[in-house]
N, C-alpha and C. Protein backbone atom coordinates (compact mmCIF):
# COMPACT_ATOMS: atom_id res chain seq x y z
N MET A 1 15.60 -13.68 -5.76
CA MET A 1 16.71 -13.28 -4.42
C MET A 1 16.83 -14.87 -3.96
N LYS A 2 17.88 -15.40 -4.01
CA LYS A 2 18.31 -16.79 -3.25
C LYS A 2 18.49 -16.09 -1.79
N LEU A 3 17.82 -17.03 -1.13
CA LEU A 3 17.97 -16.90 0.53
C LEU A 3 18.74 -18.42 0.49
N SER A 4 19.52 -17.95 1.84
CA SER A 4 20.87 -18.73 2.55
C SER A 4 19.95 -19.93 3.01
N ALA A 5 20.71 -21.29 3.07
CA ALA A 5 20.02 -22.19 4.20
C ALA A 5 19.49 -21.48 5.35
N LYS A 6 20.46 -20.71 5.86
CA LYS A 6 19.84 -20.34 7.53
C LYS A 6 18.64 -19.43 7.46
N SER A 7 18.48 -18.79 6.02
CA SER A 7 17.01 -17.99 6.14
C SER A 7 15.93 -19.19 6.09
N ARG A 8 16.50 -19.89 5.03
CA ARG A 8 15.52 -20.87 5.04
C ARG A 8 14.77 -21.77 6.00
N TYR A 9 15.96 -22.43 6.89
CA TYR A 9 15.60 -23.13 8.13
C TYR A 9 14.70 -21.99 9.36
N ALA A 10 15.10 -20.97 8.96
CA ALA A 10 14.56 -20.02 10.25
C ALA A 10 13.29 -20.25 9.71
N LEU A 11 12.57 -19.91 8.36
CA LEU A 11 11.59 -19.53 7.82
C LEU A 11 10.56 -20.79 8.20
N ALA A 12 11.36 -21.86 8.08
CA ALA A 12 10.37 -23.29 8.04
C ALA A 12 10.17 -23.78 9.66
N SER A 13 10.99 -23.20 10.10
CA SER A 13 10.71 -23.38 11.77
C SER A 13 10.09 -22.14 12.25
N VAL A 14 10.11 -21.18 11.94
CA VAL A 14 8.86 -20.19 12.37
C VAL A 14 7.57 -20.41 12.03
N ILE A 15 7.61 -21.19 10.40
CA ILE A 15 5.92 -21.52 10.09
C ILE A 15 5.43 -22.69 11.14
N LYS A 16 6.18 -23.48 11.22
CA LYS A 16 6.18 -24.90 11.59
C LYS A 16 5.68 -24.46 13.04
N MET A 17 6.27 -23.47 13.84
CA MET A 17 6.20 -22.99 15.22
C MET A 17 4.45 -22.14 15.25
N ALA A 18 4.46 -21.76 14.60
CA ALA A 18 2.58 -20.71 14.06
C ALA A 18 2.01 -21.85 13.49
N THR A 19 2.07 -22.69 12.66
CA THR A 19 1.08 -23.85 12.46
C THR A 19 0.81 -24.62 13.75
N LEU A 20 1.36 -24.46 14.96
CA LEU A 20 1.14 -25.06 16.41
C LEU A 20 1.14 -24.01 16.81
N TYR A 21 0.64 -23.22 16.94
CA TYR A 21 0.95 -21.75 18.06
C TYR A 21 -0.51 -22.21 19.07
N ASP A 22 -1.64 -22.16 18.78
CA ASP A 22 -2.71 -22.44 19.47
C ASP A 22 -2.67 -23.77 20.23
N SER A 23 -1.89 -24.83 19.69
CA SER A 23 -2.13 -26.21 20.46
C SER A 23 -0.76 -26.50 21.41
N LYS A 24 0.34 -25.45 20.98
CA LYS A 24 1.56 -26.04 21.61
C LYS A 24 2.30 -25.09 22.26
N ALA A 25 2.59 -24.72 23.76
CA ALA A 25 3.24 -23.69 24.47
C ALA A 25 4.54 -23.64 23.98
N THR A 26 5.31 -24.28 23.93
CA THR A 26 6.88 -24.71 23.41
C THR A 26 6.96 -25.66 22.48
N MET A 27 7.78 -25.46 21.78
CA MET A 27 8.69 -26.71 20.83
C MET A 27 10.31 -26.46 21.09
N THR A 28 10.88 -27.67 21.19
CA THR A 28 12.30 -27.50 21.38
C THR A 28 13.01 -27.53 19.89
N VAL A 29 14.38 -27.43 20.06
CA VAL A 29 14.90 -27.49 18.76
C VAL A 29 14.96 -28.69 18.32
N LEU A 30 15.04 -29.84 18.94
CA LEU A 30 15.00 -31.09 18.78
C LEU A 30 13.58 -31.57 17.98
N GLU A 31 12.69 -31.17 18.64
CA GLU A 31 11.47 -31.28 17.59
C GLU A 31 11.31 -30.72 16.34
N ILE A 32 11.97 -29.57 15.97
CA ILE A 32 11.83 -29.13 14.94
C ILE A 32 12.63 -29.63 13.95
N ALA A 33 13.83 -29.91 14.67
CA ALA A 33 14.93 -30.47 13.60
C ALA A 33 14.47 -31.81 13.44
N THR A 34 13.81 -32.51 14.15
CA THR A 34 13.76 -33.67 13.76
C THR A 34 12.43 -33.74 12.54
N GLU A 35 11.40 -33.11 13.21
CA GLU A 35 10.17 -33.03 12.38
C GLU A 35 10.37 -32.40 10.78
N LEU A 36 11.27 -31.54 10.62
CA LEU A 36 11.91 -30.91 9.43
C LEU A 36 13.13 -31.50 8.81
N ASN A 37 13.69 -32.55 9.45
CA ASN A 37 14.79 -32.84 9.10
C ASN A 37 15.84 -31.92 8.72
N ILE A 38 16.25 -31.36 10.01
CA ILE A 38 17.25 -30.12 9.86
C ILE A 38 18.02 -30.40 11.00
N SER A 39 19.78 -30.19 10.76
CA SER A 39 20.66 -30.43 11.68
C SER A 39 19.98 -29.91 12.92
N LYS A 40 20.16 -30.33 13.95
CA LYS A 40 20.09 -30.09 15.42
C LYS A 40 21.10 -28.58 15.90
N ILE A 41 22.46 -28.76 15.01
CA ILE A 41 23.49 -28.31 15.65
C ILE A 41 23.36 -26.84 15.19
N TYR A 42 22.69 -27.25 13.82
CA TYR A 42 22.86 -25.98 12.79
C TYR A 42 21.64 -25.11 13.31
N LEU A 43 20.16 -25.84 13.43
CA LEU A 43 19.27 -25.01 14.16
C LEU A 43 19.15 -24.27 15.37
N GLU A 44 20.10 -25.16 16.44
CA GLU A 44 20.37 -24.18 17.49
C GLU A 44 21.29 -22.91 17.21
N ARG A 45 21.91 -22.62 16.07
CA ARG A 45 22.47 -21.35 15.75
C ARG A 45 21.48 -20.50 15.46
N VAL A 46 20.81 -20.64 14.69
CA VAL A 46 19.58 -20.09 13.85
C VAL A 46 18.69 -19.99 15.03
N PHE A 47 18.38 -20.27 15.98
CA PHE A 47 17.48 -19.97 16.95
C PHE A 47 17.69 -19.05 18.02
N SER A 48 19.20 -19.13 18.15
CA SER A 48 20.07 -18.12 18.75
C SER A 48 20.02 -16.63 18.25
N GLN A 49 20.17 -16.35 17.11
CA GLN A 49 19.56 -15.05 16.40
C GLN A 49 18.32 -15.01 16.34
N LEU A 50 17.19 -15.96 16.04
CA LEU A 50 15.74 -15.72 16.34
C LEU A 50 15.49 -15.31 18.02
N LYS A 51 16.31 -15.68 18.55
CA LYS A 51 16.12 -14.86 20.00
C LYS A 51 16.66 -13.90 20.13
N GLN A 52 17.68 -13.58 19.43
CA GLN A 52 18.57 -12.11 19.80
C GLN A 52 17.36 -11.05 18.86
N GLY A 53 17.16 -11.43 17.93
CA GLY A 53 16.03 -10.66 16.97
C GLY A 53 14.47 -10.62 17.89
N ASN A 54 14.41 -11.28 19.06
CA ASN A 54 12.71 -11.00 19.57
C ASN A 54 12.09 -11.98 18.85
N VAL A 55 12.33 -12.38 17.50
CA VAL A 55 11.19 -13.34 16.84
C VAL A 55 10.80 -14.74 18.16
N VAL A 56 11.54 -15.04 18.70
CA VAL A 56 11.20 -16.42 19.86
C VAL A 56 11.74 -15.72 20.86
N SER A 57 11.33 -16.96 22.12
CA SER A 57 11.95 -16.72 23.51
C SER A 57 12.01 -17.92 23.98
N ALA A 58 12.77 -18.10 25.04
CA ALA A 58 12.78 -19.68 25.29
C ALA A 58 12.57 -19.75 26.69
N ILE A 59 12.00 -21.09 27.65
CA ILE A 59 11.87 -21.35 28.84
C ILE A 59 13.06 -22.31 28.79
N LYS A 60 13.88 -22.39 30.20
CA LYS A 60 14.52 -23.28 30.17
C LYS A 60 13.40 -24.19 31.19
N GLY A 61 14.42 -25.81 31.27
CA GLY A 61 13.78 -26.69 32.10
C GLY A 61 13.39 -28.25 31.47
N SER A 62 12.70 -28.79 32.24
CA SER A 62 12.14 -30.15 31.25
C SER A 62 11.00 -30.01 30.43
N GLN A 63 10.25 -28.82 31.04
CA GLN A 63 8.96 -28.45 30.24
C GLN A 63 9.32 -27.37 29.07
N GLY A 64 10.67 -27.05 28.86
CA GLY A 64 10.69 -25.99 28.19
C GLY A 64 11.02 -25.80 26.57
N GLY A 65 11.54 -24.71 25.89
CA GLY A 65 11.61 -25.11 24.80
C GLY A 65 11.26 -23.43 24.39
N TYR A 66 11.10 -23.34 22.94
CA TYR A 66 10.93 -22.20 22.32
C TYR A 66 9.34 -21.49 22.22
N PHE A 67 9.07 -20.51 21.47
CA PHE A 67 7.86 -19.97 21.59
C PHE A 67 8.08 -18.45 20.94
N LEU A 68 6.90 -18.73 19.86
CA LEU A 68 7.09 -17.31 19.24
C LEU A 68 6.81 -16.17 20.36
N THR A 69 7.42 -14.63 20.59
CA THR A 69 7.55 -13.85 21.15
C THR A 69 5.77 -12.99 20.78
N ASP A 70 5.15 -13.59 19.97
CA ASP A 70 3.85 -12.62 19.97
C ASP A 70 3.45 -13.46 18.75
N VAL A 71 1.94 -13.24 18.61
CA VAL A 71 0.74 -14.14 17.76
C VAL A 71 1.48 -14.26 16.44
N PRO A 72 1.42 -15.10 15.55
CA PRO A 72 1.78 -15.12 14.09
C PRO A 72 1.14 -14.28 13.19
N SER A 73 0.02 -13.52 13.88
CA SER A 73 -0.67 -12.29 12.80
C SER A 73 0.28 -10.91 12.97
N ALA A 74 1.10 -11.11 13.88
CA ALA A 74 1.68 -9.61 14.31
C ALA A 74 3.52 -10.01 13.93
N LEU A 75 3.98 -11.49 13.59
CA LEU A 75 5.06 -11.47 13.13
C LEU A 75 5.37 -11.56 11.84
N THR A 76 6.33 -11.00 10.96
CA THR A 76 6.23 -11.17 9.48
C THR A 76 7.76 -11.55 8.87
N LEU A 77 7.97 -12.02 7.78
CA LEU A 77 8.50 -12.56 7.58
C LEU A 77 9.78 -11.73 7.51
N TYR A 78 9.89 -9.92 7.32
CA TYR A 78 10.85 -9.42 7.87
C TYR A 78 11.67 -9.33 9.11
N ASP A 79 10.55 -9.62 9.94
CA ASP A 79 11.12 -9.92 11.44
C ASP A 79 11.84 -10.91 11.60
N VAL A 80 11.66 -12.18 10.95
CA VAL A 80 12.74 -13.37 10.77
C VAL A 80 13.74 -12.99 9.90
N LEU A 81 13.45 -12.64 8.75
CA LEU A 81 14.78 -12.42 7.83
C LEU A 81 15.66 -11.56 8.41
N SER A 82 15.26 -10.12 8.96
CA SER A 82 16.31 -8.98 9.45
C SER A 82 17.25 -9.83 10.37
N CYS A 83 16.76 -10.56 11.48
CA CYS A 83 17.51 -11.21 11.99
C CYS A 83 18.52 -12.07 11.93
N VAL A 84 18.02 -12.81 10.81
CA VAL A 84 19.16 -13.89 10.91
C VAL A 84 20.12 -13.95 9.56
N GLU A 85 19.35 -12.66 8.66
CA GLU A 85 20.45 -12.24 7.27
C GLU A 85 20.57 -10.85 7.38
N PRO A 86 20.93 -10.09 8.42
CA PRO A 86 20.78 -8.78 8.26
C PRO A 86 21.78 -8.23 6.88
N ALA A 87 22.61 -8.97 6.47
CA ALA A 87 23.11 -8.28 5.24
C ALA A 87 22.41 -8.22 4.15
N LEU A 88 21.08 -8.75 4.11
CA LEU A 88 19.98 -8.68 2.98
C LEU A 88 19.45 -6.80 3.29
N PHE A 89 19.66 -6.68 3.94
CA PHE A 89 18.95 -5.13 4.45
C PHE A 89 19.98 -4.06 4.38
N ALA A 90 21.21 -4.36 4.47
CA ALA A 90 22.42 -2.98 4.71
C ALA A 90 22.31 -2.64 3.55
N LYS A 91 22.76 -1.48 3.56
CA LYS A 91 22.63 -0.20 2.71
C LYS A 91 23.99 -1.09 1.25
N ASN A 92 23.70 -0.49 0.31
CA ASN A 92 24.72 -0.65 -0.60
C ASN A 92 25.82 0.24 -0.73
N ASP A 93 26.71 -0.45 -0.80
CA ASP A 93 28.13 0.36 -0.75
C ASP A 93 28.42 1.31 -2.30
N ALA A 94 29.12 2.49 -1.79
CA ALA A 94 29.09 3.28 -3.22
C ALA A 94 30.16 2.55 -4.19
N THR A 95 29.67 2.57 -5.22
CA THR A 95 29.61 2.03 -6.50
C THR A 95 31.51 2.97 -7.38
N VAL A 96 30.34 4.11 -7.66
CA VAL A 96 31.48 5.01 -8.42
C VAL A 96 31.42 6.51 -7.65
N GLU A 97 30.97 6.55 -6.27
CA GLU A 97 30.62 7.99 -6.00
C GLU A 97 31.68 8.87 -6.13
N GLU A 98 32.92 8.57 -6.07
CA GLU A 98 34.23 9.78 -6.46
C GLU A 98 34.26 9.88 -7.85
N ILE A 99 34.16 9.19 -8.66
CA ILE A 99 34.49 9.25 -9.79
C ILE A 99 33.54 10.09 -10.95
N ALA A 100 32.20 9.52 -10.24
CA ALA A 100 30.71 9.95 -11.29
C ALA A 100 29.71 10.11 -9.83
N PRO A 101 29.56 11.08 -8.92
CA PRO A 101 29.14 11.23 -8.04
C PRO A 101 27.31 11.23 -8.35
N THR A 102 27.23 11.95 -9.98
CA THR A 102 25.55 11.76 -10.54
C THR A 102 25.33 10.43 -10.69
N ILE A 103 26.37 9.80 -11.16
CA ILE A 103 25.65 8.28 -11.60
C ILE A 103 25.60 7.50 -10.50
N GLU A 104 26.35 7.83 -9.74
CA GLU A 104 26.26 7.24 -7.96
C GLU A 104 24.58 7.51 -7.30
N ASN A 105 24.24 8.90 -7.27
CA ASN A 105 22.86 9.39 -7.33
C ASN A 105 21.85 8.97 -7.90
N THR A 106 22.23 8.55 -9.08
CA THR A 106 20.89 7.94 -9.85
C THR A 106 20.97 6.31 -9.40
N LEU A 107 21.56 5.70 -9.15
CA LEU A 107 21.88 4.08 -8.88
C LEU A 107 21.28 4.35 -7.50
N GLU A 108 21.25 5.20 -6.75
CA GLU A 108 20.64 5.27 -5.24
C GLU A 108 19.45 5.40 -5.34
N GLU A 109 19.02 6.53 -6.00
CA GLU A 109 17.40 6.70 -6.06
C GLU A 109 16.92 6.05 -7.33
N LEU A 110 17.25 5.60 -8.28
CA LEU A 110 16.39 4.94 -9.31
C LEU A 110 16.76 3.40 -8.94
N ILE A 111 17.27 2.89 -8.52
CA ILE A 111 17.45 1.51 -8.54
C ILE A 111 17.61 1.27 -6.72
N TYR A 112 18.56 1.33 -6.10
CA TYR A 112 18.71 0.75 -4.81
C TYR A 112 17.42 1.27 -3.94
N ALA A 113 17.33 2.74 -3.62
CA ALA A 113 16.36 2.72 -2.83
C ALA A 113 15.04 2.16 -2.90
N PRO A 114 14.59 1.96 -4.30
CA PRO A 114 13.02 1.63 -4.50
C PRO A 114 13.05 0.02 -4.58
N LEU A 115 14.17 -0.63 -4.63
CA LEU A 115 14.26 -2.11 -4.63
C LEU A 115 14.15 -2.52 -2.98
N ASP A 116 15.42 -1.39 -2.19
CA ASP A 116 15.04 -2.19 -0.87
C ASP A 116 13.27 -1.91 -0.59
N GLN A 117 13.03 -0.55 -0.68
CA GLN A 117 11.78 -0.33 -0.23
C GLN A 117 10.80 -1.03 -0.51
N ALA A 118 10.67 -1.78 -1.72
CA ALA A 118 9.80 -2.83 -2.44
C ALA A 118 10.26 -3.84 -1.67
N ILE A 119 11.06 -4.36 -1.46
CA ILE A 119 11.45 -5.60 -0.70
C ILE A 119 11.07 -5.55 0.90
N VAL A 120 11.48 -4.50 1.28
CA VAL A 120 10.84 -4.58 2.93
C VAL A 120 9.68 -4.75 2.91
N SER A 121 8.86 -3.75 2.32
CA SER A 121 7.26 -3.92 1.95
C SER A 121 6.76 -5.27 2.09
N THR A 122 7.10 -5.62 1.29
CA THR A 122 6.46 -7.23 0.53
C THR A 122 6.68 -8.01 1.81
N LEU A 123 7.93 -8.07 2.30
CA LEU A 123 8.14 -9.07 3.99
C LEU A 123 7.14 -8.61 4.76
N GLN A 124 7.07 -7.07 5.27
CA GLN A 124 6.41 -6.60 6.28
C GLN A 124 4.92 -7.09 5.90
N GLY A 125 4.47 -7.14 4.69
CA GLY A 125 3.00 -7.41 4.31
C GLY A 125 2.65 -9.05 4.49
N ILE A 126 3.88 -10.15 4.76
CA ILE A 126 3.85 -11.36 5.13
C ILE A 126 3.77 -11.68 6.36
N THR A 127 2.81 -12.29 6.85
CA THR A 127 2.80 -12.49 8.11
C THR A 127 3.00 -14.20 8.11
N LEU A 128 3.51 -14.47 9.56
CA LEU A 128 3.61 -15.76 9.90
C LEU A 128 2.26 -16.68 10.05
N GLU A 129 1.28 -15.71 10.47
CA GLU A 129 -0.28 -16.58 10.38
C GLU A 129 -0.79 -16.69 8.88
N MET A 130 -0.54 -15.93 8.05
CA MET A 130 -0.52 -16.13 6.75
C MET A 130 -0.21 -17.43 5.69
N LEU A 131 1.33 -17.51 6.39
CA LEU A 131 2.12 -18.52 5.54
C LEU A 131 1.66 -20.01 6.52
N ALA A 132 1.32 -19.97 7.58
CA ALA A 132 0.94 -21.17 8.40
C ALA A 132 -0.60 -21.59 7.59
N GLN A 133 -1.35 -20.44 7.57
CA GLN A 133 -2.67 -20.90 6.96
C GLN A 133 -2.80 -21.98 5.92
N ASN A 134 -1.74 -21.15 4.97
CA ASN A 134 -1.17 -21.90 3.36
C ASN A 134 -0.70 -23.15 3.98
N ALA A 135 0.28 -23.41 4.72
CA ALA A 135 1.00 -24.60 4.91
C ALA A 135 -0.10 -25.76 5.29
N GLN A 136 -1.15 -25.43 6.60
CA GLN A 136 -2.07 -26.38 6.77
C GLN A 136 -3.12 -26.23 5.74
N LYS A 137 -3.57 -25.57 4.57
CA LYS A 137 -4.52 -25.79 3.84
C LYS A 137 -3.71 -26.72 2.77
N SER A 138 -2.62 -26.55 2.61
CA SER A 138 -1.98 -27.39 0.98
C SER A 138 -1.82 -28.86 1.98
N ASN A 139 -1.91 -28.97 3.15
CA ASN A 139 -1.68 -30.66 4.33
C ASN A 139 -3.09 -30.73 3.92
N ALA A 140 -4.53 -30.02 4.11
CA ALA A 140 -5.88 -30.50 3.75
C ALA A 140 -6.24 -30.94 2.54
N ASP A 141 -5.35 -30.30 1.55
CA ASP A 141 -5.75 -30.94 0.15
C ASP A 141 -5.44 -32.13 -0.46
N TYR A 142 -4.73 -33.01 0.76
CA TYR A 142 -4.61 -34.69 0.44
C TYR A 142 -5.75 -35.06 1.43
N MET A 143 -5.91 -36.56 0.28
CA MET A 143 -7.24 -37.28 1.23
C MET A 143 -6.44 -38.54 1.42
N TYR A 144 -6.25 -38.91 2.38
CA TYR A 144 -5.89 -40.25 2.88
C TYR A 144 -6.56 -41.54 2.82
N TYR A 145 -6.75 -42.27 2.31
CA TYR A 145 -7.19 -43.76 2.41
C TYR A 145 -6.86 -44.72 2.97
N LEU A 146 -6.90 -45.40 4.31
CA LEU A 146 -6.53 -46.36 5.01
C LEU A 146 -7.43 -47.93 4.78
């Protein structure tokens, strides 16, 4: 499965926020864009969708920024991807329904529905906390000498 840049940026951003969840109340789009080397303008659009999907919320003002709407253990990959890429979870269009309804039913029952269920189940089973812990563990594997 190939994810769009929008999905990849959304995932990277919320994982970054999850890694700092305990230490930082909010993060600005500029902070995230700078740390992850992502276009600020593009990331603002992504955060607009994340906000509409209730993954993040915002506080306005000089001390403001975005914050996760729930603890990282309660937010999943499905939560993030479903608000930035709803087409990933849209129902397949009928292929040969009028000409061959039995083939269409077979496709739906044996291919489309099981794949959809497996993808959703997998994405719902991966939390931002799991990803943040893995990202932090990966960073801890390096030893720096000065």
